[in-house]
Amino acid sequence: MSEAMKKRRTENVIVSIGEKNPKRFALPKNEAQGLIQMLRQYEIKESSPWRDSFKDLLKQSGEGGLALRAERELLQLTQVEVAEKIGVPQHVISEMENGKRPIGKKMAERLAFVFKTDYRVFL
């Protein structure tokens, strides 16, 4: 066998990232150790259900109102812009976000159309 064909074997470590569809990487052992050390500083020590983390906001706004505000801010829309898109006054959006007005099924469907999501998110 010629010298060019010979490859030095290295010990690889398989690293998986992700839960549902994990991506796997084969890294040389020394590089994997460095990566693991770096990731340790970002390790989540404890986790809790999201509802526990947002108790105060849920109490104030309700799940539908909180979802509405989150979707609106994610798309960087103002309350006025959302109100214009669904044909209601701006104060209606504010009242829904603040839990002062319930979000019914018809309104949830209109919001879902604007945000391209399932209407049940807002109920």
Foldseek 3Di string as FASTA:
>chain_A
DDPVPDDDDAQWDWDWDDDPDTDIDTHGPVVVVVVVVVCVVVDDPDDDDVCVVCVPQCVFQNQLLCLLVVLCVVVPHDLCVLCVQLVHHSVVNVCNNRNNDQQDQVNLVSSCVVSVHDSVSND
